[in-house]
PDB file of N, CA and C in Angstrom:
ATOM      1  N   MET A   1      46.608 121.951  68.461  1.00  0.00           N
ATOM      2  CA  MET A   1      46.339 120.626  67.967  1.00  0.00           C
ATOM      3  C   MET A   1      47.475 119.692  68.379  1.00  0.00           C
ATOM      4  N   ALA A   2      47.144 118.536  68.896  1.00  0.00           N
ATOM      5  CA  ALA A   2      48.135 117.576  69.370  1.00  0.00           C
ATOM      6  C   ALA A   2      48.869 116.933  68.202  1.00  0.00           C
ATOM      7  N   THR A   3      50.137 116.646  68.416  1.00  0.00           N
ATOM      8  CA  THR A   3      50.940 115.949  67.426  1.00  0.00           C
ATOM      9  C   THR A   3      50.740 114.453  67.614  1.00  0.00           C
ATOM     10  N   ILE A   4      50.569 113.757  66.517  1.00  0.00           N
ATOM     11  CA  ILE A   4      50.410 112.308  66.574  1.00  0.00           C
ATOM     12  C   ILE A   4      51.787 111.666  66.449  1.00  0.00           C
ATOM     13  N   ALA A   5      52.128 110.818  67.397  1.00  0.00           N
ATOM     14  CA  ALA A   5      53.424 110.143  67.402  1.00  0.00           C
ATOM     15  C   ALA A   5      53.300 108.785  66.734  1.00  0.00           C
ATOM     16  N   ASP A   6      54.196 108.525  65.791  1.00  0.00           N
ATOM     17  CA  ASP A   6      54.272 107.208  65.156  1.00  0.00           C
ATOM     18  C   ASP A   6      55.139 106.347  66.077  1.00  0.00           C
ATOM     19  N   ILE A   7      54.515 105.521  66.893  1.00  0.00           N
ATOM     20  CA  ILE A   7      55.278 104.771  67.900  1.00  0.00           C
ATOM     21  C   ILE A   7      56.279 103.814  67.273  1.00  0.00           C
ATOM     22  N   GLY A   8      56.072 103.440  66.033  1.00  0.00           N
ATOM     23  CA  GLY A   8      57.028 102.579  65.350  1.00  0.00           C
ATOM     24  C   GLY A   8      58.352 103.261  65.069  1.00  0.00           C
ATOM     25  N   LYS A   9      58.378 104.581  65.190  1.00  0.00           N
ATOM     26  CA  LYS A   9      59.609 105.331  64.924  1.00  0.00           C
ATOM     27  C   LYS A   9      60.294 105.824  66.190  1.00  0.00           C
ATOM     28  N   LEU A  10      59.766 105.458  67.347  1.00  0.00           N
ATOM     29  CA  LEU A  10      60.346 105.933  68.612  1.00  0.00           C
ATOM     30  C   LEU A  10      61.571 105.150  69.048  1.00  0.00           C
ATOM     31  N   ILE A  11      61.662 103.892  68.637  1.00  0.00           N
ATOM     32  CA  ILE A  11      62.801 103.050  68.987  1.00  0.00           C
ATOM     33  C   ILE A  11      63.521 102.680  67.701  1.00  0.00           C
ATOM     34  N   THR A  12      64.838 102.757  67.726  1.00  0.00           N
ATOM     35  CA  THR A  12      65.633 102.456  66.542  1.00  0.00           C
ATOM     36  C   THR A  12      66.908 101.736  66.939  1.00  0.00           C
ATOM     37  N   THR A  13      67.603 101.224  65.960  1.00  0.00           N
ATOM     38  CA  THR A  13      68.940 100.670  66.190  1.00  0.00           C
ATOM     39  C   THR A  13      69.889 101.331  65.202  1.00  0.00           C
ATOM     40  N   ASN A  14      71.098 101.538  65.655  1.00  0.00           N
ATOM     41  CA  ASN A  14      72.117 102.173  64.839  1.00  0.00           C
ATOM     42  C   ASN A  14      73.439 101.568  65.275  1.00  0.00           C
ATOM     43  N   SER A  15      74.071 100.826  64.382  1.00  0.00           N
ATOM     44  CA  SER A  15      75.289 100.087  64.737  1.00  0.00           C
ATOM     45  C   SER A  15      76.346 100.913  65.456  1.00  0.00           C
ATOM     46  N   PRO A  16      76.653 102.138  65.028  1.00  0.00           N
ATOM     47  CA  PRO A  16      77.679 102.893  65.752  1.00  0.00           C
ATOM     48  C   PRO A  16      77.257 103.334  67.155  1.00  0.00           C
ATOM     49  N   LEU A  17      75.958 103.423  67.400  1.00  0.00           N
ATOM     50  CA  LEU A  17      75.485 103.863  68.712  1.00  0.00           C
ATOM     51  C   LEU A  17      75.128 102.671  69.586  1.00  0.00           C
ATOM     52  N   ARG A  18      75.703 102.620  70.767  1.00  0.00           N
ATOM     53  CA  ARG A  18      75.385 101.586  71.760  1.00  0.00           C
ATOM     54  C   ARG A  18      75.528 100.178  71.195  1.00  0.00           C
ATOM     55  N   GLY A  19      76.478  99.999  70.276  1.00  0.00           N
ATOM     56  CA  GLY A  19      76.757  98.665  69.755  1.00  0.00           C
ATOM     57  C   GLY A  19      75.586  98.044  69.001  1.00  0.00           C
ATOM     58  N   GLY A  20      74.721  98.876  68.442  1.00  0.00           N
ATOM     59  CA  GLY A  20      73.579  98.358  67.708  1.00  0.00           C
ATOM     60  C   GLY A  20      72.398  97.981  68.575  1.00  0.00           C
ATOM     61  N   ARG A  21      72.507  98.238  69.870  1.00  0.00           N
ATOM     62  CA  ARG A  21      71.379  97.960  70.761  1.00  0.00           C
ATOM     63  C   ARG A  21      70.243  98.935  70.464  1.00  0.00           C
ATOM     64  N   PRO A  22      69.011  98.550  70.750  1.00  0.00           N
ATOM     65  CA  PRO A  22      67.895  99.463  70.516  1.00  0.00           C
ATOM     66  C   PRO A  22      67.996 100.690  71.415  1.00  0.00           C
ATOM     67  N   ILE A  23      67.775 101.847  70.801  1.00  0.00           N
ATOM     68  CA  ILE A  23      67.826 103.120  71.513  1.00  0.00           C
ATOM     69  C   ILE A  23      66.569 103.926  71.204  1.00  0.00           C
ATOM     70  N   ILE A  24      66.352 104.947  71.994  1.00  0.00           N
ATOM     71  CA  ILE A  24      65.265 105.873  71.732  1.00  0.00           C
ATOM     72  C   ILE A  24      65.731 106.777  70.596  1.00  0.00           C
ATOM     73  N   ALA A  25      64.955 106.827  69.522  1.00  0.00           N
ATOM     74  CA  ALA A  25      65.312 107.623  68.350  1.00  0.00           C
ATOM     75  C   ALA A  25      65.625 109.066  68.740  1.00  0.00           C
ATOM     76  N   GLY A  26      66.699 109.590  68.165  1.00  0.00           N
ATOM     77  CA  GLY A  26      67.079 110.969  68.426  1.00  0.00           C
ATOM     78  C   GLY A  26      67.850 111.166  69.716  1.00  0.00           C
ATOM     79  N   THR A  27      68.128 110.074  70.426  1.00  0.00           N
ATOM     80  CA  THR A  27      68.886 110.143  71.684  1.00  0.00           C
ATOM     81  C   THR A  27      69.942 109.043  71.658  1.00  0.00           C
ATOM     82  N   GLY A  28      70.775 109.034  72.624  1.00  0.00           N
ATOM     83  CA  GLY A  28      71.708 107.933  72.804  1.00  0.00           C
ATOM     84  C   GLY A  28      71.268 107.015  73.930  1.00  0.00           C
ATOM     85  N   THR A  29      70.069 107.204  74.413  1.00  0.00           N
ATOM     86  CA  THR A  29      69.571 106.434  75.549  1.00  0.00           C
ATOM     87  C   THR A  29      69.063 105.082  75.076  1.00  0.00           C
ATOM     88  N   SER A  30      69.601 104.035  75.669  1.00  0.00           N
ATOM     89  CA  SER A  30      69.221 102.687  75.264  1.00  0.00           C
ATOM     90  C   SER A  30      67.936 102.228  75.944  1.00  0.00           C
ATOM     91  N   VAL A  31      67.237 101.352  75.253  1.00  0.00           N
ATOM     92  CA  VAL A  31      66.066 100.706  75.843  1.00  0.00           C
ATOM     93  C   VAL A  31      66.508  99.952  77.094  1.00  0.00           C
ATOM     94  N   ARG A  32      67.686  99.365  77.043  1.00  0.00           N
ATOM     95  CA  ARG A  32      68.214  98.614  78.184  1.00  0.00           C
ATOM     96  C   ARG A  32      68.259  99.477  79.438  1.00  0.00           C
ATOM     97  N   ARG A  33      68.671 100.731  79.304  1.00  0.00           N
ATOM     98  CA  ARG A  33      68.766 101.618  80.469  1.00  0.00           C
ATOM     99  C   ARG A  33      67.395 101.843  81.096  1.00  0.00           C
ATOM    100  N   VAL A  34      66.409 102.100  80.257  1.00  0.00           N
ATOM    101  CA  VAL A  34      65.052 102.321  80.762  1.00  0.00           C
ATOM    102  C   VAL A  34      64.503 101.021  81.347  1.00  0.00           C
ATOM    103  N   ALA A  35      64.728  99.905  80.668  1.00  0.00           N
ATOM    104  CA  ALA A  35      64.233  98.608  81.152  1.00  0.00           C
ATOM    105  C   ALA A  35      64.849  98.261  82.506  1.00  0.00           C
ATOM    106  N   ALA A  36      66.132  98.572  82.684  1.00  0.00           N
ATOM    107  CA  ALA A  36      66.786  98.282  83.962  1.00  0.00           C
ATOM    108  C   ALA A  36      66.123  99.063  85.093  1.00  0.00           C
ATOM    109  N   LEU A  37      65.826 100.323  84.856  1.00  0.00           N
ATOM    110  CA  LEU A  37      65.142 101.127  85.882  1.00  0.00           C
ATOM    111  C   LEU A  37      63.744 100.585  86.152  1.00  0.00           C
ATOM    112  N   TYR A  38      63.057 100.220  85.094  1.00  0.00           N
ATOM    113  CA  TYR A  38      61.702  99.667  85.233  1.00  0.00           C
ATOM    114  C   TYR A  38      61.732  98.380  86.060  1.00  0.00           C
ATOM    115  N   LYS A  39      62.715  97.531  85.784  1.00  0.00           N
ATOM    116  CA  LYS A  39      62.840  96.274  86.532  1.00  0.00           C
ATOM    117  C   LYS A  39      63.218  96.504  87.992  1.00  0.00           C
ATOM    118  N   GLN A  40      63.845  97.648  88.289  1.00  0.00           N
ATOM    119  CA  GLN A  40      64.189  97.990  89.671  1.00  0.00           C
ATOM    120  C   GLN A  40      62.979  98.503  90.434  1.00  0.00           C
ATOM    121  N   GLY A  41      61.848  98.669  89.749  1.00  0.00           N
ATOM    122  CA  GLY A  41      60.635  99.079  90.432  1.00  0.00           C
ATOM    123  C   GLY A  41      60.172 100.496  90.151  1.00  0.00           C
ATOM    124  N   TYR A  42      60.928 101.224  89.348  1.00  0.00           N
ATOM    125  CA  TYR A  42      60.494 102.573  88.997  1.00  0.00           C
ATOM    126  C   TYR A  42      59.341 102.484  88.001  1.00  0.00           C
ATOM    127  N   ASN A  43      58.330 103.341  88.168  1.00  0.00           N
ATOM    128  CA  ASN A  43      57.261 103.382  87.171  1.00  0.00           C
ATOM    129  C   ASN A  43      57.652 104.382  86.082  1.00  0.00           C
ATOM    130  N   ALA A  44      56.847 104.462  85.031  1.00  0.00           N
ATOM    131  CA  ALA A  44      57.185 105.299  83.879  1.00  0.00           C
ATOM    132  C   ALA A  44      57.366 106.771  84.266  1.00  0.00           C
ATOM    133  N   GLU A  45      56.512 107.275  85.115  1.00  0.00           N
ATOM    134  CA  GLU A  45      56.612 108.671  85.528  1.00  0.00           C
ATOM    135  C   GLU A  45      57.892 108.932  86.307  1.00  0.00           C
ATOM    136  N   GLU A  46      58.264 108.005  87.178  1.00  0.00           N
ATOM    137  CA  GLU A  46      59.513 108.146  87.943  1.00  0.00           C
ATOM    138  C   GLU A  46      60.727 108.090  87.021  1.00  0.00           C
ATOM    139  N   ILE A  47      60.680 107.212  86.030  1.00  0.00           N
ATOM    140  CA  ILE A  47      61.788 107.128  85.074  1.00  0.00           C
ATOM    141  C   ILE A  47      61.891 108.422  84.280  1.00  0.00           C
ATOM    142  N   ALA A  48      60.758 108.972  83.863  1.00  0.00           N
ATOM    143  CA  ALA A  48      60.755 110.234  83.113  1.00  0.00           C
ATOM    144  C   ALA A  48      61.334 111.376  83.954  1.00  0.00           C
ATOM    145  N   ARG A  49      61.063 111.389  85.239  1.00  0.00           N
ATOM    146  CA  ARG A  49      61.650 112.415  86.112  1.00  0.00           C
ATOM    147  C   ARG A  49      63.156 112.192  86.262  1.00  0.00           C
ATOM    148  N   ARG A  50      63.549 110.943  86.362  1.00  0.00           N
ATOM    149  CA  ARG A  50      64.967 110.612  86.537  1.00  0.00           C
ATOM    150  C   ARG A  50      65.768 110.880  85.257  1.00  0.00           C
ATOM    151  N   LEU A  51      65.187 110.516  84.128  1.00  0.00           N
ATOM    152  CA  LEU A  51      65.810 110.746  82.827  1.00  0.00           C
ATOM    153  C   LEU A  51      65.044 111.888  82.150  1.00  0.00           C
ATOM    154  N   ASN A  52      65.203 113.072  82.688  1.00  0.00           N
ATOM    155  CA  ASN A  52      64.333 114.183  82.313  1.00  0.00           C
ATOM    156  C   ASN A  52      64.537 114.714  80.893  1.00  0.00           C
ATOM    157  N   HIS A  53      65.473 114.157  80.161  1.00  0.00           N
ATOM    158  CA  HIS A  53      65.635 114.525  78.752  1.00  0.00           C
ATOM    159  C   HIS A  53      64.687 113.708  77.861  1.00  0.00           C
ATOM    160  N   LEU A  54      63.977 112.742  78.461  1.00  0.00           N
ATOM    161  CA  LEU A  54      63.044 111.897  77.719  1.00  0.00           C
ATOM    162  C   LEU A  54      61.607 112.278  78.043  1.00  0.00           C
ATOM    163  N   THR A  55      60.722 112.025  77.087  1.00  0.00           N
ATOM    164  CA  THR A  55      59.301 112.266  77.314  1.00  0.00           C
ATOM    165  C   THR A  55      58.659 110.999  77.870  1.00  0.00           C
ATOM    166  N   ILE A  56      57.493 111.165  78.441  1.00  0.00           N
ATOM    167  CA  ILE A  56      56.757 110.011  78.961  1.00  0.00           C
ATOM    168  C   ILE A  56      56.407 109.053  77.819  1.00  0.00           C
ATOM    169  N   VAL A  57      56.156 109.577  76.644  1.00  0.00           N
ATOM    170  CA  VAL A  57      55.859 108.735  75.480  1.00  0.00           C
ATOM    171  C   VAL A  57      57.068 107.864  75.151  1.00  0.00           C
ATOM    172  N   GLN A  58      58.267 108.436  75.198  1.00  0.00           N
ATOM    173  CA  GLN A  58      59.484 107.664  74.933  1.00  0.00           C
ATOM    174  C   GLN A  58      59.687 106.568  75.978  1.00  0.00           C
ATOM    175  N   ILE A  59      59.397 106.880  77.226  1.00  0.00           N
ATOM    176  CA  ILE A  59      59.538 105.887  78.292  1.00  0.00           C
ATOM    177  C   ILE A  59      58.577 104.726  78.051  1.00  0.00           C
ATOM    178  N   TYR A  60      57.329 105.040  77.763  1.00  0.00           N
ATOM    179  CA  TYR A  60      56.361 103.968  77.500  1.00  0.00           C
ATOM    180  C   TYR A  60      56.732 103.172  76.254  1.00  0.00           C
ATOM    181  N   ALA A  61      57.316 103.826  75.260  1.00  0.00           N
ATOM    182  CA  ALA A  61      57.778 103.095  74.070  1.00  0.00           C
ATOM    183  C   ALA A  61      58.864 102.093  74.455  1.00  0.00           C
ATOM    184  N   CYS A  62      59.755 102.483  75.350  1.00  0.00           N
ATOM    185  CA  CYS A  62      60.803 101.566  75.816  1.00  0.00           C
ATOM    186  C   CYS A  62      60.211 100.392  76.580  1.00  0.00           C
ATOM    187  N   ILE A  63      59.277 100.671  77.450  1.00  0.00           N
ATOM    188  CA  ILE A  63      58.653  99.610  78.233  1.00  0.00           C
ATOM    189  C   ILE A  63      57.905  98.656  77.309  1.00  0.00           C
ATOM    190  N   THR A  64      57.222  99.207  76.323  1.00  0.00           N
ATOM    191  CA  THR A  64      56.519  98.368  75.347  1.00  0.00           C
ATOM    192  C   THR A  64      57.507  97.531  74.554  1.00  0.00           C
ATOM    193  N   TYR A  65      58.608  98.152  74.126  1.00  0.00           N
ATOM    194  CA  TYR A  65      59.634  97.413  73.391  1.00  0.00           C
ATOM    195  C   TYR A  65      60.207  96.295  74.260  1.00  0.00           C
ATOM    196  N   TYR A  66      60.430  96.605  75.521  1.00  0.00           N
ATOM    197  CA  TYR A  66      60.944  95.598  76.455  1.00  0.00           C
ATOM    198  C   TYR A  66      60.019  94.385  76.502  1.00  0.00           C
ATOM    199  N   TYR A  67      58.723  94.615  76.673  1.00  0.00           N
ATOM    200  CA  TYR A  67      57.797  93.478  76.746  1.00  0.00           C
ATOM    201  C   TYR A  67      57.672  92.750  75.416  1.00  0.00           C
ATOM    202  N   ALA A  68      57.747  93.464  74.315  1.00  0.00           N
ATOM    203  CA  ALA A  68      57.634  92.839  72.997  1.00  0.00           C
ATOM    204  C   ALA A  68      58.892  92.062  72.625  1.00  0.00           C
ATOM    205  N   ASN A  69      60.026  92.414  73.242  1.00  0.00           N
ATOM    206  CA  ASN A  69      61.321  91.802  72.926  1.00  0.00           C
ATOM    207  C   ASN A  69      62.043  91.407  74.205  1.00  0.00           C
ATOM    208  N   ARG A  70      61.286  90.865  75.123  1.00  0.00           N
ATOM    209  CA  ARG A  70      61.787  90.615  76.472  1.00  0.00           C
ATOM    210  C   ARG A  70      63.031  89.731  76.497  1.00  0.00           C
ATOM    211  N   GLU A  71      63.046  88.666  75.723  1.00  0.00           N
ATOM    212  CA  GLU A  71      64.192  87.756  75.727  1.00  0.00           C
ATOM    213  C   GLU A  71      65.468  88.479  75.301  1.00  0.00           C
ATOM    214  N   GLU A  72      65.372  89.287  74.260  1.00  0.00           N
ATOM    215  CA  GLU A  72      66.531  90.044  73.773  1.00  0.00           C
ATOM    216  C   GLU A  72      67.046  91.011  74.836  1.00  0.00           C
ATOM    217  N   ILE A  73      66.148  91.759  75.452  1.00  0.00           N
ATOM    218  CA  ILE A  73      66.555  92.753  76.449  1.00  0.00           C
ATOM    219  C   ILE A  73      67.074  92.074  77.714  1.00  0.00           C
ATOM    220  N   GLU A  74      66.443  90.985  78.140  1.00  0.00           N
ATOM    221  CA  GLU A  74      66.920  90.255  79.325  1.00  0.00           C
ATOM    222  C   GLU A  74      68.331  89.708  79.078  1.00  0.00           C
ATOM    223  N   GLN A  75      68.591  89.211  77.880  1.00  0.00           N
ATOM    224  CA  GLN A  75      69.925  88.709  77.538  1.00  0.00           C
ATOM    225  C   GLN A  75      70.939  89.849  77.591  1.00  0.00           C
ATOM    226  N   ASP A  76      70.566  90.994  77.055  1.00  0.00           N
ATOM    227  CA  ASP A  76      71.437  92.164  77.068  1.00  0.00           C
ATOM    228  C   ASP A  76      71.726  92.612  78.500  1.00  0.00           C
ATOM    229  N   LEU A  77      70.708  92.632  79.334  1.00  0.00           N
ATOM    230  CA  LEU A  77      70.901  93.005  80.738  1.00  0.00           C
ATOM    231  C   LEU A  77      71.795  92.002  81.467  1.00  0.00           C
ATOM    232  N   ALA A  78      71.616  90.717  81.174  1.00  0.00           N
ATOM    233  CA  ALA A  78      72.442  89.679  81.801  1.00  0.00           C
ATOM    234  C   ALA A  78      73.900  89.830  81.384  1.00  0.00           C
ATOM    235  N   GLU A  79      74.129  90.114  80.109  1.00  0.00           N
ATOM    236  CA  GLU A  79      75.506  90.307  79.634  1.00  0.00           C
ATOM    237  C   GLU A  79      76.138  91.534  80.272  1.00  0.00           C
ATOM    238  N   GLU A  80      75.359  92.594  80.434  1.00  0.00           N
ATOM    239  CA  GLU A  80      75.865  93.791  81.099  1.00  0.00           C
ATOM    240  C   GLU A  80      76.237  93.481  82.554  1.00  0.00           C
ATOM    241  N   GLN A  81      75.409  92.723  83.245  1.00  0.00           N
ATOM    242  CA  GLN A  81      75.677  92.354  84.635  1.00  0.00           C
ATOM    243  C   GLN A  81      76.940  91.504  84.741  1.00  0.00           C
ATOM    244  N   GLN A  82      77.105  90.565  83.821  1.00  0.00           N
ATOM    245  CA  GLN A  82      78.301  89.719  83.820  1.00  0.00           C
ATOM    246  C   GLN A  82      79.554  90.547  83.586  1.00  0.00           C
ATOM    247  N   ALA A  83      79.484  91.499  82.661  1.00  0.00           N
ATOM    248  CA  ALA A  83      80.634  92.373  82.395  1.00  0.00           C
ATOM    249  C   ALA A  83      80.959  93.210  83.630  1.00  0.00           C
ATOM    250  N   TYR A  84      79.936  93.713  84.288  1.00  0.00           N
ATOM    251  CA  TYR A  84      80.137  94.489  85.512  1.00  0.00           C
ATOM    252  C   TYR A  84      80.830  93.639  86.582  1.00  0.00           C
ATOM    253  N   GLU A  85      80.349  92.416  86.764  1.00  0.00           N
ATOM    254  CA  GLU A  85      80.927  91.537  87.782  1.00  0.00           C
ATOM    255  C   GLU A  85      82.374  91.192  87.469  1.00  0.00           C
ATOM    256  N   ARG A  86      82.702  90.968  86.191  1.00  0.00           N
ATOM    257  CA  ARG A  86      84.095  90.697  85.806  1.00  0.00           C
ATOM    258  C   ARG A  86      84.988  91.886  86.141  1.00  0.00           C
ATOM    259  N   LEU A  87      84.524  93.083  85.799  1.00  0.00           N
ATOM    260  CA  LEU A  87      85.310  94.282  86.079  1.00  0.00           C
ATOM    261  C   LEU A  87      85.445  94.526  87.576  1.00  0.00           C
ATOM    262  N   ALA A  88      84.384  94.310  88.320  1.00  0.00           N
ATOM    263  CA  ALA A  88      84.439  94.500  89.770  1.00  0.00           C
ATOM    264  C   ALA A  88      85.425  93.529  90.404  1.00  0.00           C
ATOM    265  N   THR A  89      85.412  92.287  89.958  1.00  0.00           N
ATOM    266  CA  THR A  89      86.341  91.285  90.476  1.00  0.00           C
ATOM    267  C   THR A  89      87.777  91.667  90.137  1.00  0.00           C
ATOM    268  N   LEU A  90      88.012  92.083  88.902  1.00  0.00           N
ATOM    269  CA  LEU A  90      89.341  92.499  88.481  1.00  0.00           C
ATOM    270  C   LEU A  90      89.817  93.684  89.308  1.00  0.00           C
ATOM    271  N   HIS A  91      88.958  94.660  89.505  1.00  0.00           N
ATOM    272  CA  HIS A  91      89.305  95.835  90.295  1.00  0.00           C
ATOM    273  C   HIS A  91      89.621  95.447  91.741  1.00  0.00           C
ATOM    274  N   TYR A  92      88.803  94.570  92.304  1.00  0.00           N
ATOM    275  CA  TYR A  92      89.016  94.123  93.678  1.00  0.00           C
ATOM    276  C   TYR A  92      90.381  93.445  93.818  1.00  0.00           C
ATOM    277  N   HIS A  93      90.690  92.546  92.889  1.00  0.00           N
ATOM    278  CA  HIS A  93      91.953  91.813  92.968  1.00  0.00           C
ATOM    279  C   HIS A  93      93.153  92.730  92.740  1.00  0.00           C
ATOM    280  N   GLN A  94      93.024  93.716  91.893  1.00  0.00           N
ATOM    281  CA  GLN A  94      94.120  94.655  91.661  1.00  0.00           C
ATOM    282  C   GLN A  94      94.388  95.495  92.904  1.00  0.00           C
ATOM    283  N   ASN A  95      93.350  95.806  93.665  1.00  0.00           N
ATOM    284  CA  ASN A  95      93.517  96.627  94.855  1.00  0.00           C
ATOM    285  C   ASN A  95      93.920  95.809  96.071  1.00  0.00           C
ATOM    286  N   GLN A  96      93.942  94.499  95.970  1.00  0.00           N
ATOM    287  CA  GLN A  96      94.336  93.644  97.082  1.00  0.00           C
ATOM    288  C   GLN A  96      95.828  93.280  97.035  1.00  0.00           C
ATOM    289  N   ARG A  97      96.514  93.676  96.001  1.00  0.00           N
ATOM    290  CA  ARG A  97      97.937  93.364  95.880  1.00  0.00           C
ATOM    291  C   ARG A  97      98.729  94.127  96.940  1.00  0.00           C
ATOM    292  N   PRO A  98      99.772  93.489  97.483  1.00  0.00           N
ATOM    293  CA  PRO A  98     100.613  94.198  98.473  1.00  0.00           C
ATOM    294  C   PRO A  98     101.303  95.387  97.822  1.00  0.00           C
ATOM    295  N   GLN A  99     101.411  96.438  98.561  1.00  0.00           N
ATOM    296  CA  GLN A  99     102.038  97.672  98.044  1.00  0.00           C
ATOM    297  C   GLN A  99     103.519  97.644  98.270  1.00  0.00           C
TER     298      GLN A  99
END
């Protein structure tokens, strides 16, 4: 007999984990991580193969959460990109100093 999944319980937030960002319940994997892969063109099955500790149901829950909360996730992704660019610039400038 198949188990019925309560999709409302698949995504959660927990302040100590991932800074309170939405994560897949029972994992430390953020919705942002799955959404980033999805936005890069990976489909749900490809993401499930890549993140093989997750089920296809969890992946679809993330994609659904992304569409239901798109502005929040897009803002989070933009902030992550900005932080990456700041660190990359800092690293580049530190490595350009004369020895």
